[in-house]
């Protein structure tokens, strides 16, 4: 299952040309960034993919509430996998 998810992420990143594409200084090579939402923390692809090197971050999606005393309480309601290829 993880192999298919990794392959899908790499394929999507190498073919995706959205608003997160930035050109590097002088080289003209594109930088790709894409976010994926999950209910649990997932691993992304880390390593060489063609001419690109890909890395990722796992970011918790927190929902915070404040009680009558002003105390803040936060809970993780999901995860964002942010994939970078440069």
N, C-alpha and C. Protein backbone atom coordinates (compact mmCIF):
# COMPACT_ATOMS: atom_id res chain seq x y z
N UNK A 1 0.83 -1.20 0.00
CA UNK A 1 0.00 0.00 0.00
C UNK A 1 0.87 1.26 0.00
N UNK A 2 1.91 1.28 0.85
CA UNK A 2 2.78 2.45 0.92
C UNK A 2 3.55 2.64 -0.37
N UNK A 3 3.91 1.54 -1.04
CA UNK A 3 4.64 1.66 -2.31
C UNK A 3 3.76 2.35 -3.35
N UNK A 4 2.48 1.96 -3.40
CA UNK A 4 1.57 2.58 -4.36
C UNK A 4 1.34 4.05 -4.03
N UNK A 5 1.23 4.37 -2.74
CA UNK A 5 1.05 5.76 -2.33
C UNK A 5 2.28 6.58 -2.70
N UNK A 6 3.47 6.03 -2.45
CA UNK A 6 4.71 6.73 -2.80
C UNK A 6 4.80 6.93 -4.30
N UNK A 7 4.49 5.91 -5.07
CA UNK A 7 4.54 6.03 -6.53
C UNK A 7 3.54 7.06 -7.02
N UNK A 8 2.36 7.09 -6.42
CA UNK A 8 1.35 8.07 -6.82
C UNK A 8 1.79 9.49 -6.50
N UNK A 9 2.43 9.67 -5.34
CA UNK A 9 2.89 11.00 -4.95
C UNK A 9 3.99 11.47 -5.89
N UNK A 10 4.96 10.60 -6.19
CA UNK A 10 6.06 10.98 -7.08
C UNK A 10 5.51 11.30 -8.47
N UNK A 11 4.62 10.48 -8.98
CA UNK A 11 4.03 10.72 -10.29
C UNK A 11 3.28 12.05 -10.31
N UNK A 12 2.49 12.30 -9.29
CA UNK A 12 1.73 13.56 -9.22
C UNK A 12 2.67 14.75 -9.15
N UNK A 13 3.75 14.62 -8.40
CA UNK A 13 4.68 15.74 -8.26
C UNK A 13 5.43 16.04 -9.55
N UNK A 14 5.81 15.01 -10.27
CA UNK A 14 6.57 15.22 -11.49
C UNK A 14 5.71 15.70 -12.65
N UNK A 15 4.40 15.46 -12.58
CA UNK A 15 3.52 15.89 -13.66
C UNK A 15 2.70 17.12 -13.29
N UNK A 16 2.69 17.50 -12.05
CA UNK A 16 1.86 18.61 -11.58
C UNK A 16 2.55 19.94 -11.86
N UNK A 17 1.83 20.89 -12.40
CA UNK A 17 2.39 22.21 -12.69
C UNK A 17 1.40 23.26 -12.22
N UNK A 18 1.29 23.42 -10.92
CA UNK A 18 0.33 24.36 -10.35
C UNK A 18 0.97 25.63 -9.85
N UNK A 19 0.34 26.26 -8.90
CA UNK A 19 0.80 27.55 -8.41
C UNK A 19 2.02 27.45 -7.52
N UNK A 20 2.39 26.26 -7.08
CA UNK A 20 3.53 26.10 -6.19
C UNK A 20 4.84 25.90 -6.93
N UNK A 21 4.85 26.06 -8.24
CA UNK A 21 6.08 25.88 -9.01
C UNK A 21 6.86 27.19 -8.98
N UNK A 22 8.11 27.10 -8.58
CA UNK A 22 8.98 28.28 -8.49
C UNK A 22 10.25 27.95 -9.24
N UNK A 23 10.78 28.90 -10.01
CA UNK A 23 12.02 28.68 -10.73
C UNK A 23 13.20 29.07 -9.86
N UNK A 24 14.23 28.22 -9.85
CA UNK A 24 15.44 28.50 -9.07
C UNK A 24 16.24 29.61 -9.77
N UNK A 25 17.05 30.31 -9.01
CA UNK A 25 17.86 31.39 -9.56
C UNK A 25 18.81 30.87 -10.62
N UNK A 26 18.74 31.42 -11.80
CA UNK A 26 19.71 31.13 -12.84
C UNK A 26 19.59 29.78 -13.50
N UNK A 27 19.25 28.74 -12.78
CA UNK A 27 19.25 27.40 -13.34
C UNK A 27 18.00 27.06 -14.13
N UNK A 28 16.89 27.67 -13.82
CA UNK A 28 15.65 27.39 -14.51
C UNK A 28 14.98 26.08 -14.09
N UNK A 29 15.55 25.37 -13.13
CA UNK A 29 14.95 24.13 -12.66
C UNK A 29 13.77 24.46 -11.75
N UNK A 30 12.69 23.69 -11.88
CA UNK A 30 11.48 23.97 -11.13
C UNK A 30 11.51 23.33 -9.75
N UNK A 31 10.85 23.99 -8.80
CA UNK A 31 10.68 23.51 -7.42
C UNK A 31 9.22 23.17 -7.27
N UNK A 32 8.92 21.94 -6.88
CA UNK A 32 7.54 21.50 -6.72
C UNK A 32 7.20 21.32 -5.24
N UNK A 33 6.01 21.75 -4.88
CA UNK A 33 5.51 21.55 -3.53
C UNK A 33 4.03 21.18 -3.63
N UNK A 34 3.64 20.14 -2.90
CA UNK A 34 2.25 19.69 -2.93
C UNK A 34 1.85 19.21 -1.54
N UNK A 35 0.64 19.53 -1.11
CA UNK A 35 0.12 19.09 0.18
C UNK A 35 -0.92 17.99 -0.01
N UNK A 36 -0.87 16.99 0.87
CA UNK A 36 -1.84 15.90 0.89
C UNK A 36 -2.40 15.79 2.30
N UNK A 37 -3.70 15.57 2.42
CA UNK A 37 -4.37 15.49 3.72
C UNK A 37 -4.67 14.03 4.07
N UNK A 38 -4.37 13.63 5.33
CA UNK A 38 -4.61 12.28 5.80
C UNK A 38 -5.16 12.32 7.22
N UNK A 39 -5.77 11.23 7.65
CA UNK A 39 -6.26 11.11 9.02
C UNK A 39 -5.16 10.68 9.99
N UNK A 40 -4.10 10.10 9.47
CA UNK A 40 -2.99 9.63 10.30
C UNK A 40 -1.68 10.10 9.66
N UNK A 41 -0.59 10.14 10.42
CA UNK A 41 0.69 10.56 9.83
C UNK A 41 1.15 9.54 8.79
N UNK A 42 1.56 10.03 7.63
CA UNK A 42 2.02 9.17 6.53
C UNK A 42 3.44 9.57 6.15
N UNK A 43 4.15 8.64 5.56
CA UNK A 43 5.48 8.93 5.05
C UNK A 43 5.40 9.25 3.57
N UNK A 44 6.22 10.19 3.14
CA UNK A 44 6.30 10.54 1.73
C UNK A 44 7.56 9.95 1.12
N UNK A 45 7.82 10.30 -0.12
CA UNK A 45 8.99 9.81 -0.82
C UNK A 45 10.19 10.69 -0.50
N UNK A 46 11.29 10.08 -0.10
CA UNK A 46 12.53 10.78 0.22
C UNK A 46 13.61 10.19 -0.67
N UNK A 47 14.15 11.00 -1.58
CA UNK A 47 15.24 10.51 -2.43
C UNK A 47 15.15 11.06 -3.83
N UNK A 48 15.97 10.48 -4.70
CA UNK A 48 16.08 10.93 -6.08
C UNK A 48 14.90 10.43 -6.89
N UNK A 49 14.31 11.32 -7.70
CA UNK A 49 13.22 10.99 -8.62
C UNK A 49 13.53 11.68 -9.94
N UNK A 50 14.18 10.98 -10.84
CA UNK A 50 14.61 11.60 -12.10
C UNK A 50 15.71 12.61 -11.82
N UNK A 51 15.53 13.84 -12.30
CA UNK A 51 16.50 14.91 -12.07
C UNK A 51 16.23 15.67 -10.78
N UNK A 52 15.26 15.24 -10.01
CA UNK A 52 14.85 15.95 -8.80
C UNK A 52 15.20 15.16 -7.55
N UNK A 53 15.39 15.87 -6.46
CA UNK A 53 15.50 15.26 -5.14
C UNK A 53 14.24 15.63 -4.39
N UNK A 54 13.56 14.65 -3.80
CA UNK A 54 12.29 14.89 -3.10
C UNK A 54 12.45 14.67 -1.60
N UNK A 55 11.76 15.47 -0.83
CA UNK A 55 11.74 15.37 0.61
C UNK A 55 10.32 15.70 1.08
N UNK A 56 10.04 15.49 2.36
CA UNK A 56 8.69 15.75 2.84
C UNK A 56 8.70 16.16 4.30
N UNK A 57 7.56 16.73 4.73
CA UNK A 57 7.32 17.09 6.13
C UNK A 57 5.95 16.53 6.50
N UNK A 58 5.83 16.08 7.76
CA UNK A 58 4.53 15.68 8.31
C UNK A 58 4.11 16.76 9.30
N UNK A 59 2.99 17.39 9.03
CA UNK A 59 2.52 18.50 9.84
C UNK A 59 1.17 18.17 10.46
N UNK A 60 1.03 18.30 11.79
CA UNK A 60 -0.26 18.02 12.42
C UNK A 60 -1.25 19.16 12.16
N UNK A 61 -2.50 18.81 11.90
CA UNK A 61 -3.58 19.80 11.77
C UNK A 61 -4.26 19.89 13.13
N UNK A 62 -4.01 20.98 13.83
CA UNK A 62 -4.54 21.15 15.19
C UNK A 62 -5.81 21.99 15.17
N UNK A 63 -6.73 21.62 16.04
CA UNK A 63 -7.94 22.40 16.28
C UNK A 63 -7.92 22.77 17.76
N UNK A 64 -7.97 24.08 18.02
CA UNK A 64 -7.85 24.56 19.40
C UNK A 64 -9.16 25.20 19.85
N UNK A 65 -9.47 25.00 21.13
CA UNK A 65 -10.63 25.64 21.75
C UNK A 65 -10.19 26.29 23.05
N UNK A 66 -10.92 27.30 23.46
CA UNK A 66 -10.63 28.01 24.70
C UNK A 66 -11.83 27.87 25.62
N UNK A 67 -11.57 27.48 26.88
CA UNK A 67 -12.68 27.34 27.83
C UNK A 67 -12.97 28.69 28.49
N UNK A 68 -13.92 28.72 29.37
CA UNK A 68 -14.34 29.96 30.04
C UNK A 68 -13.25 30.60 30.86
N UNK A 69 -12.27 29.85 31.32
CA UNK A 69 -11.17 30.38 32.13
C UNK A 69 -10.02 30.92 31.29
N UNK A 70 -10.13 30.77 29.96
CA UNK A 70 -9.07 31.25 29.08
C UNK A 70 -8.00 30.22 28.79
N UNK A 71 -8.22 28.99 29.24
CA UNK A 71 -7.26 27.93 28.96
C UNK A 71 -7.48 27.39 27.56
N UNK A 72 -6.40 27.27 26.80
CA UNK A 72 -6.50 26.76 25.44
C UNK A 72 -6.18 25.26 25.42
N UNK A 73 -6.98 24.52 24.68
CA UNK A 73 -6.80 23.09 24.55
C UNK A 73 -6.79 22.74 23.07
N UNK A 74 -5.73 22.05 22.63
CA UNK A 74 -5.58 21.72 21.21
C UNK A 74 -5.56 20.21 21.01
N UNK A 75 -6.16 19.77 19.89
CA UNK A 75 -6.17 18.36 19.53
C UNK A 75 -5.79 18.23 18.07
N UNK A 76 -5.09 17.15 17.75
CA UNK A 76 -4.73 16.88 16.36
C UNK A 76 -5.93 16.21 15.68
N UNK A 77 -6.44 16.82 14.62
CA UNK A 77 -7.61 16.31 13.91
C UNK A 77 -7.26 15.70 12.56
N UNK A 78 -6.00 15.75 12.17
CA UNK A 78 -5.57 15.19 10.89
C UNK A 78 -4.12 15.56 10.63
N UNK A 79 -3.60 15.12 9.50
CA UNK A 79 -2.20 15.37 9.17
C UNK A 79 -2.07 15.86 7.74
N UNK A 80 -1.11 16.75 7.53
CA UNK A 80 -0.75 17.20 6.19
C UNK A 80 0.62 16.66 5.86
N UNK A 81 0.75 16.01 4.70
CA UNK A 81 2.03 15.57 4.19
C UNK A 81 2.41 16.59 3.13
N UNK A 82 3.48 17.33 3.36
CA UNK A 82 3.94 18.35 2.42
C UNK A 82 5.18 17.79 1.72
N UNK A 83 5.07 17.57 0.43
CA UNK A 83 6.13 16.98 -0.39
C UNK A 83 6.82 18.07 -1.19
N UNK A 84 8.15 18.06 -1.18
CA UNK A 84 8.96 19.01 -1.95
C UNK A 84 9.85 18.26 -2.92
N UNK A 85 9.96 18.74 -4.13
CA UNK A 85 10.93 18.20 -5.09
C UNK A 85 11.66 19.37 -5.72
N UNK A 86 12.97 19.30 -5.72
CA UNK A 86 13.79 20.37 -6.29
C UNK A 86 14.98 19.79 -7.00
